[in-house]
Amino acid sequence: MIELGDKVRCKHTGFTGIAVARTEFINGCVQYSLAPKVGKDSKYPEEFSLDEDSLEVISPRRKKPKQDETGGPVRIIKRHRMWKS
């Protein structure tokens, strides 16, 4: 199964890109929009939509680290009472 963010390739044309959108039609057809790499001219090429059956996953997307695995600082927020009623 393809997830958004996976790097996929078309079995027929060899077109490679990142799955950025999934479209499911009322007749059951599922297509994914693929975004290719930016070209040498630094312009973003157009996305292409291809049928799910003609795509294969090359590499899955990276999973986000869990909250405690980010290595960032831990912030503890203390609530202060400004005035007593």
PDB file of N, CA and C in Angstrom:
ATOM      1  N   MET A   1       0.842  -1.181   0.000  1.00  0.00           N
ATOM      2  CA  MET A   1       0.000   0.000   0.000  1.00  0.00           C
ATOM      3  C   MET A   1       0.887   1.245   0.000  1.00  0.00           C
ATOM      4  N   ILE A   2       0.505   2.208  -0.770  1.00  0.00           N
ATOM      5  CA  ILE A   2       1.262   3.442  -0.918  1.00  0.00           C
ATOM      6  C   ILE A   2       0.779   4.454   0.121  1.00  0.00           C
ATOM      7  N   GLU A   3       1.727   5.094   0.794  1.00  0.00           N
ATOM      8  CA  GLU A   3       1.399   6.169   1.727  1.00  0.00           C
ATOM      9  C   GLU A   3       1.946   7.471   1.166  1.00  0.00           C
ATOM     10  N   LEU A   4       1.303   8.572   1.503  1.00  0.00           N
ATOM     11  CA  LEU A   4       1.795   9.865   1.055  1.00  0.00           C
ATOM     12  C   LEU A   4       3.184  10.086   1.636  1.00  0.00           C
ATOM     13  N   GLY A   5       4.093  10.537   0.802  1.00  0.00           N
ATOM     14  CA  GLY A   5       5.481  10.732   1.200  1.00  0.00           C
ATOM     15  C   GLY A   5       6.404   9.619   0.729  1.00  0.00           C
ATOM     16  N   ASP A   6       5.833   8.504   0.252  1.00  0.00           N
ATOM     17  CA  ASP A   6       6.644   7.411  -0.277  1.00  0.00           C
ATOM     18  C   ASP A   6       7.245   7.800  -1.626  1.00  0.00           C
ATOM     19  N   LYS A   7       8.446   7.318  -1.899  1.00  0.00           N
ATOM     20  CA  LYS A   7       9.044   7.493  -3.227  1.00  0.00           C
ATOM     21  C   LYS A   7       8.589   6.313  -4.061  1.00  0.00           C
ATOM     22  N   VAL A   8       7.919   6.597  -5.183  1.00  0.00           N
ATOM     23  CA  VAL A   8       7.336   5.546  -6.010  1.00  0.00           C
ATOM     24  C   VAL A   8       7.782   5.678  -7.455  1.00  0.00           C
ATOM     25  N   ARG A   9       7.622   4.587  -8.216  1.00  0.00           N
ATOM     26  CA  ARG A   9       8.003   4.554  -9.631  1.00  0.00           C
ATOM     27  C   ARG A   9       6.886   3.898 -10.423  1.00  0.00           C
ATOM     28  N   CYS A  10       6.646   4.410 -11.613  1.00  0.00           N
ATOM     29  CA  CYS A  10       5.688   3.807 -12.525  1.00  0.00           C
ATOM     30  C   CYS A  10       6.335   2.580 -13.157  1.00  0.00           C
ATOM     31  N   LYS A  11       5.642   1.460 -13.129  1.00  0.00           N
ATOM     32  CA  LYS A  11       6.167   0.211 -13.677  1.00  0.00           C
ATOM     33  C   LYS A  11       6.318   0.271 -15.194  1.00  0.00           C
ATOM     34  N   HIS A  12       5.516   1.085 -15.851  1.00  0.00           N
ATOM     35  CA  HIS A  12       5.482   1.122 -17.312  1.00  0.00           C
ATOM     36  C   HIS A  12       6.437   2.160 -17.916  1.00  0.00           C
ATOM     37  N   THR A  13       6.470   3.355 -17.311  1.00  0.00           N
ATOM     38  CA  THR A  13       7.271   4.433 -17.893  1.00  0.00           C
ATOM     39  C   THR A  13       8.581   4.684 -17.163  1.00  0.00           C
ATOM     40  N   GLY A  14       8.691   4.230 -15.916  1.00  0.00           N
ATOM     41  CA  GLY A  14       9.891   4.480 -15.125  1.00  0.00           C
ATOM     42  C   GLY A  14       9.896   5.839 -14.447  1.00  0.00           C
ATOM     43  N   PHE A  15       8.809   6.597 -14.573  1.00  0.00           N
ATOM     44  CA  PHE A  15       8.712   7.910 -13.937  1.00  0.00           C
ATOM     45  C   PHE A  15       8.772   7.739 -12.421  1.00  0.00           C
ATOM     46  N   THR A  16       9.623   8.536 -11.767  1.00  0.00           N
ATOM     47  CA  THR A  16       9.826   8.438 -10.325  1.00  0.00           C
ATOM     48  C   THR A  16       9.463   9.756  -9.664  1.00  0.00           C
ATOM     49  N   GLY A  17       8.849   9.665  -8.485  1.00  0.00           N
ATOM     50  CA  GLY A  17       8.511  10.870  -7.736  1.00  0.00           C
ATOM     51  C   GLY A  17       7.997  10.530  -6.346  1.00  0.00           C
ATOM     52  N   ILE A  18       7.670  11.559  -5.600  1.00  0.00           N
ATOM     53  CA  ILE A  18       7.127  11.422  -4.252  1.00  0.00           C
ATOM     54  C   ILE A  18       5.601  11.528  -4.333  1.00  0.00           C
ATOM     55  N   ALA A  19       4.901  10.586  -3.692  1.00  0.00           N
ATOM     56  CA  ALA A  19       3.440  10.618  -3.666  1.00  0.00           C
ATOM     57  C   ALA A  19       2.987  11.769  -2.773  1.00  0.00           C
ATOM     58  N   VAL A  20       2.337  12.776  -3.378  1.00  0.00           N
ATOM     59  CA  VAL A  20       1.933  13.968  -2.625  1.00  0.00           C
ATOM     60  C   VAL A  20       0.425  14.108  -2.481  1.00  0.00           C
ATOM     61  N   ALA A  21      -0.351  13.357  -3.257  1.00  0.00           N
ATOM     62  CA  ALA A  21      -1.809  13.431  -3.152  1.00  0.00           C
ATOM     63  C   ALA A  21      -2.420  12.118  -3.619  1.00  0.00           C
ATOM     64  N   ARG A  22      -3.570  11.783  -3.017  1.00  0.00           N
ATOM     65  CA  ARG A  22      -4.300  10.561  -3.385  1.00  0.00           C
ATOM     66  C   ARG A  22      -5.705  10.965  -3.777  1.00  0.00           C
ATOM     67  N   THR A  23      -6.157  10.483  -4.936  1.00  0.00           N
ATOM     68  CA  THR A  23      -7.498  10.785  -5.424  1.00  0.00           C
ATOM     69  C   THR A  23      -8.246   9.480  -5.623  1.00  0.00           C
ATOM     70  N   GLU A  24      -9.416   9.386  -4.998  1.00  0.00           N
ATOM     71  CA  GLU A  24     -10.259   8.204  -5.158  1.00  0.00           C
ATOM     72  C   GLU A  24     -11.541   8.624  -5.861  1.00  0.00           C
ATOM     73  N   PHE A  25     -11.784   8.019  -7.013  1.00  0.00           N
ATOM     74  CA  PHE A  25     -12.951   8.363  -7.805  1.00  0.00           C
ATOM     75  C   PHE A  25     -14.148   7.527  -7.378  1.00  0.00           C
ATOM     76  N   ILE A  26     -15.335   7.967  -7.740  1.00  0.00           N
ATOM     77  CA  ILE A  26     -16.567   7.295  -7.350  1.00  0.00           C
ATOM     78  C   ILE A  26     -16.662   5.883  -7.929  1.00  0.00           C
ATOM     79  N   ASN A  27     -15.986   5.625  -9.044  1.00  0.00           N
ATOM     80  CA  ASN A  27     -16.016   4.282  -9.652  1.00  0.00           C
ATOM     81  C   ASN A  27     -14.985   3.342  -9.024  1.00  0.00           C
ATOM     82  N   GLY A  28     -14.216   3.816  -8.022  1.00  0.00           N
ATOM     83  CA  GLY A  28     -13.257   2.978  -7.327  1.00  0.00           C
ATOM     84  C   GLY A  28     -11.829   3.127  -7.805  1.00  0.00           C
ATOM     85  N   CYS A  29     -11.600   3.867  -8.860  1.00  0.00           N
ATOM     86  CA  CYS A  29     -10.247   4.092  -9.371  1.00  0.00           C
ATOM     87  C   CYS A  29      -9.478   4.981  -8.389  1.00  0.00           C
ATOM     88  N   VAL A  30      -8.236   4.611  -8.096  1.00  0.00           N
ATOM     89  CA  VAL A  30      -7.387   5.381  -7.182  1.00  0.00           C
ATOM     90  C   VAL A  30      -6.150   5.834  -7.939  1.00  0.00           C
ATOM     91  N   GLN A  31      -5.869   7.127  -7.870  1.00  0.00           N
ATOM     92  CA  GLN A  31      -4.685   7.686  -8.506  1.00  0.00           C
ATOM     93  C   GLN A  31      -3.870   8.449  -7.481  1.00  0.00           C
ATOM     94  N   TYR A  32      -2.555   8.483  -7.710  1.00  0.00           N
ATOM     95  CA  TYR A  32      -1.649   9.250  -6.863  1.00  0.00           C
ATOM     96  C   TYR A  32      -0.971  10.307  -7.707  1.00  0.00           C
ATOM     97  N   SER A  33      -0.839  11.504  -7.149  1.00  0.00           N
ATOM     98  CA  SER A  33      -0.077  12.569  -7.801  1.00  0.00           C
ATOM     99  C   SER A  33       1.363  12.453  -7.338  1.00  0.00           C
ATOM    100  N   LEU A  34       2.281  12.428  -8.305  1.00  0.00           N
ATOM    101  CA  LEU A  34       3.696  12.299  -8.006  1.00  0.00           C
ATOM    102  C   LEU A  34       4.415  13.603  -8.316  1.00  0.00           C
ATOM    103  N   ALA A  35       5.235  14.034  -7.383  1.00  0.00           N
ATOM    104  CA  ALA A  35       6.043  15.235  -7.582  1.00  0.00           C
ATOM    105  C   ALA A  35       7.480  14.806  -7.846  1.00  0.00           C
ATOM    106  N   PRO A  36       8.018  15.082  -9.040  1.00  0.00           N
ATOM    107  CA  PRO A  36       9.406  14.713  -9.343  1.00  0.00           C
ATOM    108  C   PRO A  36      10.382  15.683  -8.686  1.00  0.00           C
ATOM    109  N   LYS A  37      11.683  15.383  -8.787  1.00  0.00           N
ATOM    110  CA  LYS A  37      12.715  16.260  -8.250  1.00  0.00           C
ATOM    111  C   LYS A  37      12.747  17.575  -9.025  1.00  0.00           C
ATOM    112  N   VAL A  38      13.269  18.592  -8.380  1.00  0.00           N
ATOM    113  CA  VAL A  38      13.435  19.888  -9.028  1.00  0.00           C
ATOM    114  C   VAL A  38      14.527  19.758 -10.079  1.00  0.00           C
ATOM    115  N   GLY A  39      14.308  20.355 -11.248  1.00  0.00           N
ATOM    116  CA  GLY A  39      15.256  20.257 -12.350  1.00  0.00           C
ATOM    117  C   GLY A  39      16.516  21.070 -12.137  1.00  0.00           C
ATOM    118  N   LYS A  40      17.466  20.943 -13.047  1.00  0.00           N
ATOM    119  CA  LYS A  40      18.726  21.679 -12.956  1.00  0.00           C
ATOM    120  C   LYS A  40      18.520  23.177 -13.095  1.00  0.00           C
ATOM    121  N   ASP A  41      17.421  23.575 -13.727  1.00  0.00           N
ATOM    122  CA  ASP A  41      17.129  24.993 -13.879  1.00  0.00           C
ATOM    123  C   ASP A  41      16.417  25.569 -12.650  1.00  0.00           C
ATOM    124  N   SER A  42      16.316  24.784 -11.576  1.00  0.00           N
ATOM    125  CA  SER A  42      15.692  25.170 -10.296  1.00  0.00           C
ATOM    126  C   SER A  42      14.205  25.460 -10.430  1.00  0.00           C
ATOM    127  N   LYS A  43      13.590  24.917 -11.461  1.00  0.00           N
ATOM    128  CA  LYS A  43      12.151  25.068 -11.625  1.00  0.00           C
ATOM    129  C   LYS A  43      11.469  23.785 -11.203  1.00  0.00           C
ATOM    130  N   TYR A  44      10.327  23.943 -10.578  1.00  0.00           N
ATOM    131  CA  TYR A  44       9.572  22.796 -10.098  1.00  0.00           C
ATOM    132  C   TYR A  44       8.742  22.223 -11.243  1.00  0.00           C
ATOM    133  N   PRO A  45       8.977  20.970 -11.633  1.00  0.00           N
ATOM    134  CA  PRO A  45       8.200  20.383 -12.723  1.00  0.00           C
ATOM    135  C   PRO A  45       6.764  20.092 -12.290  1.00  0.00           C
ATOM    136  N   GLU A  46       5.908  19.879 -13.267  1.00  0.00           N
ATOM    137  CA  GLU A  46       4.511  19.578 -12.969  1.00  0.00           C
ATOM    138  C   GLU A  46       4.368  18.217 -12.310  1.00  0.00           C
ATOM    139  N   GLU A  47       3.280  18.075 -11.536  1.00  0.00           N
ATOM    140  CA  GLU A  47       2.968  16.780 -10.939  1.00  0.00           C
ATOM    141  C   GLU A  47       2.250  15.931 -11.978  1.00  0.00           C
ATOM    142  N   PHE A  48       2.352  14.626 -11.828  1.00  0.00           N
ATOM    143  CA  PHE A  48       1.660  13.690 -12.699  1.00  0.00           C
ATOM    144  C   PHE A  48       0.804  12.782 -11.851  1.00  0.00           C
ATOM    145  N   SER A  49      -0.393  12.480 -12.316  1.00  0.00           N
ATOM    146  CA  SER A  49      -1.275  11.548 -11.620  1.00  0.00           C
ATOM    147  C   SER A  49      -1.274  10.230 -12.363  1.00  0.00           C
ATOM    148  N   LEU A  50      -1.018   9.157 -11.623  1.00  0.00           N
ATOM    149  CA  LEU A  50      -0.949   7.822 -12.209  1.00  0.00           C
ATOM    150  C   LEU A  50      -1.799   6.862 -11.391  1.00  0.00           C
ATOM    151  N   ASP A  51      -2.304   5.816 -12.055  1.00  0.00           N
ATOM    152  CA  ASP A  51      -3.120   4.808 -11.376  1.00  0.00           C
ATOM    153  C   ASP A  51      -2.309   4.050 -10.336  1.00  0.00           C
ATOM    154  N   GLU A  52      -2.988   3.681  -9.270  1.00  0.00           N
ATOM    155  CA  GLU A  52      -2.346   2.968  -8.174  1.00  0.00           C
ATOM    156  C   GLU A  52      -1.753   1.635  -8.618  1.00  0.00           C
ATOM    157  N   ASP A  53      -2.424   0.940  -9.521  1.00  0.00           N
ATOM    158  CA  ASP A  53      -1.960  -0.378  -9.975  1.00  0.00           C
ATOM    159  C   ASP A  53      -0.642  -0.330 -10.742  1.00  0.00           C
ATOM    160  N   SER A  54      -0.327   0.820 -11.331  1.00  0.00           N
ATOM    161  CA  SER A  54       0.896   0.901 -12.126  1.00  0.00           C
ATOM    162  C   SER A  54       2.083   1.430 -11.318  1.00  0.00           C
ATOM    163  N   LEU A  55       1.901   1.640 -10.011  1.00  0.00           N
ATOM    164  CA  LEU A  55       2.966   2.201  -9.184  1.00  0.00           C
ATOM    165  C   LEU A  55       3.545   1.163  -8.239  1.00  0.00           C
ATOM    166  N   GLU A  56       4.847   1.304  -7.965  1.00  0.00           N
ATOM    167  CA  GLU A  56       5.507   0.466  -6.976  1.00  0.00           C
ATOM    168  C   GLU A  56       6.325   1.362  -6.047  1.00  0.00           C
ATOM    169  N   VAL A  57       6.398   0.997  -4.774  1.00  0.00           N
ATOM    170  CA  VAL A  57       7.129   1.784  -3.787  1.00  0.00           C
ATOM    171  C   VAL A  57       8.618   1.475  -3.904  1.00  0.00           C
ATOM    172  N   ILE A  58       9.423   2.516  -4.079  1.00  0.00           N
ATOM    173  CA  ILE A  58      10.878   2.366  -4.129  1.00  0.00           C
ATOM    174  C   ILE A  58      11.431   2.449  -2.710  1.00  0.00           C
ATOM    175  N   SER A  59      11.043   3.497  -1.994  1.00  0.00           N
ATOM    176  CA  SER A  59      11.468   3.633  -0.600  1.00  0.00           C
ATOM    177  C   SER A  59      10.342   4.308   0.183  1.00  0.00           C
ATOM    178  N   PRO A  60      10.029   3.768   1.349  1.00  0.00           N
ATOM    179  CA  PRO A  60       8.959   4.365   2.153  1.00  0.00           C
ATOM    180  C   PRO A  60       9.408   5.695   2.742  1.00  0.00           C
ATOM    181  N   ARG A  61       8.424   6.496   3.115  1.00  0.00           N
ATOM    182  CA  ARG A  61       8.754   7.794   3.702  1.00  0.00           C
ATOM    183  C   ARG A  61       9.375   7.587   5.061  1.00  0.00           C
ATOM    184  N   ARG A  62      10.110   8.581   5.478  1.00  0.00           N
ATOM    185  CA  ARG A  62      10.708   8.517   6.810  1.00  0.00           C
ATOM    186  C   ARG A  62       9.621   8.722   7.845  1.00  0.00           C
ATOM    187  N   LYS A  63       9.683   7.943   8.875  1.00  0.00           N
ATOM    188  CA  LYS A  63       8.732   8.104   9.969  1.00  0.00           C
ATOM    189  C   LYS A  63       9.226   9.221  10.878  1.00  0.00           C
ATOM    190  N   LYS A  64       8.289  10.011  11.398  1.00  0.00           N
ATOM    191  CA  LYS A  64       8.658  11.070  12.316  1.00  0.00           C
ATOM    192  C   LYS A  64       9.081  10.451  13.648  1.00  0.00           C
ATOM    193  N   PRO A  65      10.096  11.025  14.294  1.00  0.00           N
ATOM    194  CA  PRO A  65      10.502  10.488  15.590  1.00  0.00           C
ATOM    195  C   PRO A  65       9.423  10.741  16.641  1.00  0.00           C
ATOM    196  N   LYS A  66       9.395   9.883  17.643  1.00  0.00           N
ATOM    197  CA  LYS A  66       8.448  10.075  18.736  1.00  0.00           C
ATOM    198  C   LYS A  66       8.842  11.321  19.507  1.00  0.00           C
ATOM    199  N   GLN A  67       7.930  11.819  20.299  1.00  0.00           N
ATOM    200  CA  GLN A  67       8.152  13.062  21.026  1.00  0.00           C
ATOM    201  C   GLN A  67       9.411  12.996  21.893  1.00  0.00           C
ATOM    202  N   ASP A  68       9.640  11.885  22.573  1.00  0.00           N
ATOM    203  CA  ASP A  68      10.799  11.792  23.461  1.00  0.00           C
ATOM    204  C   ASP A  68      12.096  11.461  22.721  1.00  0.00           C
ATOM    205  N   GLU A  69      12.054  11.254  21.422  1.00  0.00           N
ATOM    206  CA  GLU A  69      13.243  10.924  20.655  1.00  0.00           C
ATOM    207  C   GLU A  69      13.770  12.096  19.827  1.00  0.00           C
ATOM    208  N   THR A  70      13.207  13.271  20.015  1.00  0.00           N
ATOM    209  CA  THR A  70      13.619  14.402  19.192  1.00  0.00           C
ATOM    210  C   THR A  70      14.930  15.015  19.645  1.00  0.00           C
ATOM    211  N   GLY A  71      15.291  14.823  20.902  1.00  0.00           N
ATOM    212  CA  GLY A  71      16.539  15.384  21.398  1.00  0.00           C
ATOM    213  C   GLY A  71      16.439  16.842  21.781  1.00  0.00           C
ATOM    214  N   GLY A  72      15.268  17.429  21.671  1.00  0.00           N
ATOM    215  CA  GLY A  72      15.085  18.825  22.024  1.00  0.00           C
ATOM    216  C   GLY A  72      14.925  19.018  23.521  1.00  0.00           C
ATOM    217  N   PRO A  73      14.962  20.271  23.979  1.00  0.00           N
ATOM    218  CA  PRO A  73      14.827  20.537  25.402  1.00  0.00           C
ATOM    219  C   PRO A  73      13.408  20.253  25.892  1.00  0.00           C
ATOM    220  N   VAL A  74      13.316  19.956  27.163  1.00  0.00           N
ATOM    221  CA  VAL A  74      12.017  19.729  27.791  1.00  0.00           C
ATOM    222  C   VAL A  74      11.616  21.023  28.472  1.00  0.00           C
ATOM    223  N   ARG A  75      10.447  21.504  28.168  1.00  0.00           N
ATOM    224  CA  ARG A  75       9.983  22.755  28.769  1.00  0.00           C
ATOM    225  C   ARG A  75       8.891  22.458  29.777  1.00  0.00           C
ATOM    226  N   ILE A  76       9.058  23.006  30.949  1.00  0.00           N
ATOM    227  CA  ILE A  76       8.040  22.879  31.985  1.00  0.00           C
ATOM    228  C   ILE A  76       7.470  24.268  32.204  1.00  0.00           C
ATOM    229  N   ILE A  77       6.196  24.392  31.998  1.00  0.00           N
ATOM    230  CA  ILE A  77       5.539  25.681  32.150  1.00  0.00           C
ATOM    231  C   ILE A  77       4.932  25.741  33.543  1.00  0.00           C
ATOM    232  N   LYS A  78       5.346  26.752  34.315  1.00  0.00           N
ATOM    233  CA  LYS A  78       4.803  26.945  35.658  1.00  0.00           C
ATOM    234  C   LYS A  78       3.799  28.074  35.607  1.00  0.00           C
ATOM    235  N   ARG A  79       2.716  27.878  36.299  1.00  0.00           N
ATOM    236  CA  ARG A  79       1.696  28.927  36.377  1.00  0.00           C
ATOM    237  C   ARG A  79       1.894  29.698  37.675  1.00  0.00           C
ATOM    238  N   HIS A  80       1.948  30.972  37.567  1.00  0.00           N
ATOM    239  CA  HIS A  80       2.149  31.834  38.734  1.00  0.00           C
ATOM    240  C   HIS A  80       0.859  32.570  39.041  1.00  0.00           C
ATOM    241  N   ARG A  81       0.646  32.783  40.325  1.00  0.00           N
ATOM    242  CA  ARG A  81      -0.486  33.620  40.739  1.00  0.00           C
ATOM    243  C   ARG A  81       0.026  35.040  40.872  1.00  0.00           C
ATOM    244  N   MET A  82      -0.583  35.939  40.167  1.00  0.00           N
ATOM    245  CA  MET A  82      -0.138  37.328  40.218  1.00  0.00           C
ATOM    246  C   MET A  82      -0.707  38.034  41.458  1.00  0.00           C
ATOM    247  N   TRP A  83      -2.012  37.878  41.675  1.00  0.00           N
ATOM    248  CA  TRP A  83      -2.660  38.525  42.808  1.00  0.00           C
ATOM    249  C   TRP A  83      -3.568  37.520  43.491  1.00  0.00           C
ATOM    250  N   LYS A  84      -3.715  37.720  44.763  1.00  0.00           N
ATOM    251  CA  LYS A  84      -4.653  36.903  45.518  1.00  0.00           C
ATOM    252  C   LYS A  84      -5.919  37.690  45.702  1.00  0.00           C
ATOM    253  N   SER A  85      -7.053  37.063  45.502  1.00  0.00           N
ATOM    254  CA  SER A  85      -8.329  37.768  45.670  1.00  0.00           C
ATOM    255  C   SER A  85      -8.766  37.724  47.098  1.00  0.00           C
TER     256      SER A  85
END
